[in-house]
């Protein structure tokens, strides 16, 4: 699945409460981020059969 969008993943700025969820196409937006440097974390839990 390399190179495919990750739908409905959680994306957040480490050590903040700011985050979002990706859309079905893998896009996300986190608004009103104060200036600074941030580590972006993406998390996804899935199930394989």
N, C-alpha and C. Protein backbone atom coordinates (compact mmCIF):
# COMPACT_ATOMS: atom_id res chain seq x y z
N UNK A 1 0.81 -1.19 0.00
CA UNK A 1 0.00 0.00 0.00
C UNK A 1 0.85 1.26 0.00
N UNK A 2 2.11 1.11 -0.23
CA UNK A 2 2.99 2.28 -0.26
C UNK A 2 2.52 3.26 -1.31
N UNK A 3 2.55 4.54 -0.96
CA UNK A 3 2.16 5.59 -1.90
C UNK A 3 0.67 5.84 -1.97
N UNK A 4 -0.13 5.13 -1.18
CA UNK A 4 -1.59 5.31 -1.16
C UNK A 4 -1.97 6.25 -0.03
N UNK A 5 -3.03 7.06 -0.21
CA UNK A 5 -3.50 7.93 0.88
C UNK A 5 -3.98 7.10 2.07
N UNK A 6 -3.82 7.64 3.25
CA UNK A 6 -4.27 6.96 4.46
C UNK A 6 -5.54 7.65 4.95
N UNK A 7 -6.68 7.05 4.66
CA UNK A 7 -7.97 7.64 5.00
C UNK A 7 -8.27 7.48 6.49
N UNK A 8 -8.81 8.53 7.09
CA UNK A 8 -9.31 8.54 8.46
C UNK A 8 -8.24 8.25 9.52
N UNK A 9 -7.02 8.68 9.25
CA UNK A 9 -5.94 8.58 10.24
C UNK A 9 -6.00 9.81 11.14
N UNK A 10 -5.46 9.70 12.34
CA UNK A 10 -5.32 10.84 13.25
C UNK A 10 -3.98 11.50 13.00
N UNK A 11 -3.99 12.82 12.90
CA UNK A 11 -2.77 13.59 12.69
C UNK A 11 -2.76 14.68 13.76
N UNK A 12 -1.65 14.82 14.47
CA UNK A 12 -1.60 15.86 15.50
C UNK A 12 -0.19 16.41 15.65
N UNK A 13 -0.12 17.56 16.30
CA UNK A 13 1.16 18.19 16.60
C UNK A 13 1.59 17.71 17.98
N UNK A 14 2.73 17.05 18.04
CA UNK A 14 3.22 16.46 19.28
C UNK A 14 3.32 17.51 20.39
N UNK A 15 2.93 17.11 21.59
CA UNK A 15 2.96 17.95 22.80
C UNK A 15 2.01 19.14 22.70
N UNK A 16 0.95 19.01 21.90
CA UNK A 16 -0.13 20.00 21.86
C UNK A 16 -1.45 19.24 21.88
N UNK A 17 -2.54 19.99 21.91
CA UNK A 17 -3.87 19.40 21.77
C UNK A 17 -4.43 19.66 20.38
N UNK A 18 -3.57 20.08 19.45
CA UNK A 18 -4.02 20.42 18.11
C UNK A 18 -3.89 19.22 17.18
N UNK A 19 -4.97 18.94 16.47
CA UNK A 19 -4.92 17.81 15.56
C UNK A 19 -6.13 17.76 14.65
N UNK A 20 -6.16 16.75 13.81
CA UNK A 20 -7.24 16.58 12.85
C UNK A 20 -7.29 15.12 12.42
N UNK A 21 -8.28 14.79 11.64
CA UNK A 21 -8.41 13.46 11.06
C UNK A 21 -8.33 13.62 9.55
N UNK A 22 -7.67 12.69 8.89
CA UNK A 22 -7.56 12.77 7.43
C UNK A 22 -8.91 12.43 6.78
N UNK A 23 -9.11 12.99 5.60
CA UNK A 23 -10.31 12.69 4.83
C UNK A 23 -10.13 11.35 4.12
N UNK A 24 -11.13 10.95 3.39
CA UNK A 24 -11.05 9.70 2.63
C UNK A 24 -9.90 9.73 1.63
N UNK A 25 -9.56 10.93 1.14
CA UNK A 25 -8.46 11.07 0.18
C UNK A 25 -7.11 11.32 0.86
N UNK A 26 -7.07 11.30 2.21
CA UNK A 26 -5.82 11.45 2.93
C UNK A 26 -5.42 12.87 3.25
N UNK A 27 -6.27 13.84 2.94
CA UNK A 27 -5.96 15.25 3.23
C UNK A 27 -6.37 15.60 4.65
N UNK A 28 -5.69 16.60 5.22
CA UNK A 28 -6.06 17.10 6.54
C UNK A 28 -5.65 18.56 6.65
N UNK A 29 -6.26 19.25 7.62
CA UNK A 29 -5.92 20.65 7.90
C UNK A 29 -5.99 20.88 9.39
N UNK A 30 -4.96 21.51 9.92
CA UNK A 30 -4.95 21.94 11.32
C UNK A 30 -4.86 23.46 11.29
N UNK A 31 -5.91 24.13 11.74
CA UNK A 31 -6.00 25.59 11.64
C UNK A 31 -5.43 26.28 12.87
N UNK A 32 -5.07 27.54 12.69
CA UNK A 32 -4.65 28.44 13.77
C UNK A 32 -3.45 27.93 14.57
N UNK A 33 -2.44 27.47 13.86
CA UNK A 33 -1.23 26.99 14.51
C UNK A 33 -0.31 28.18 14.80
N UNK A 34 0.06 28.39 16.05
CA UNK A 34 0.97 29.48 16.37
C UNK A 34 2.34 29.23 15.70
N UNK A 35 3.08 30.29 15.40
CA UNK A 35 4.41 30.12 14.82
C UNK A 35 5.29 29.26 15.73
N UNK A 36 6.14 28.47 15.13
CA UNK A 36 7.04 27.63 15.90
C UNK A 36 7.38 26.37 15.13
N UNK A 37 8.12 25.49 15.78
CA UNK A 37 8.50 24.21 15.18
C UNK A 37 7.69 23.12 15.86
N UNK A 38 7.17 22.20 15.07
CA UNK A 38 6.33 21.14 15.59
C UNK A 38 6.72 19.81 14.96
N UNK A 39 6.53 18.76 15.73
CA UNK A 39 6.66 17.41 15.20
C UNK A 39 5.25 16.94 14.86
N UNK A 40 5.04 16.54 13.61
CA UNK A 40 3.73 16.05 13.16
C UNK A 40 3.70 14.53 13.30
N UNK A 41 2.67 14.05 13.98
CA UNK A 41 2.50 12.62 14.23
C UNK A 41 1.24 12.14 13.52
N UNK A 42 1.34 11.03 12.80
CA UNK A 42 0.17 10.40 12.19
C UNK A 42 0.00 9.03 12.81
N UNK A 43 -1.25 8.69 13.10
CA UNK A 43 -1.55 7.42 13.75
C UNK A 43 -2.75 6.79 13.07
N UNK A 44 -2.67 5.47 12.89
CA UNK A 44 -3.76 4.75 12.24
C UNK A 44 -3.85 3.35 12.82
N UNK A 45 -5.03 2.98 13.26
CA UNK A 45 -5.26 1.62 13.75
C UNK A 45 -6.10 0.90 12.73
N UNK A 46 -5.67 -0.27 12.35
CA UNK A 46 -6.42 -1.02 11.35
C UNK A 46 -6.50 -2.48 11.71
N UNK A 47 -7.25 -3.19 10.92
CA UNK A 47 -7.43 -4.61 11.13
C UNK A 47 -7.17 -5.32 9.82
N UNK A 48 -6.40 -6.37 9.85
CA UNK A 48 -6.18 -7.16 8.64
C UNK A 48 -6.85 -8.51 8.82
N UNK A 49 -7.26 -9.09 7.72
CA UNK A 49 -7.94 -10.39 7.78
C UNK A 49 -7.15 -11.41 7.02
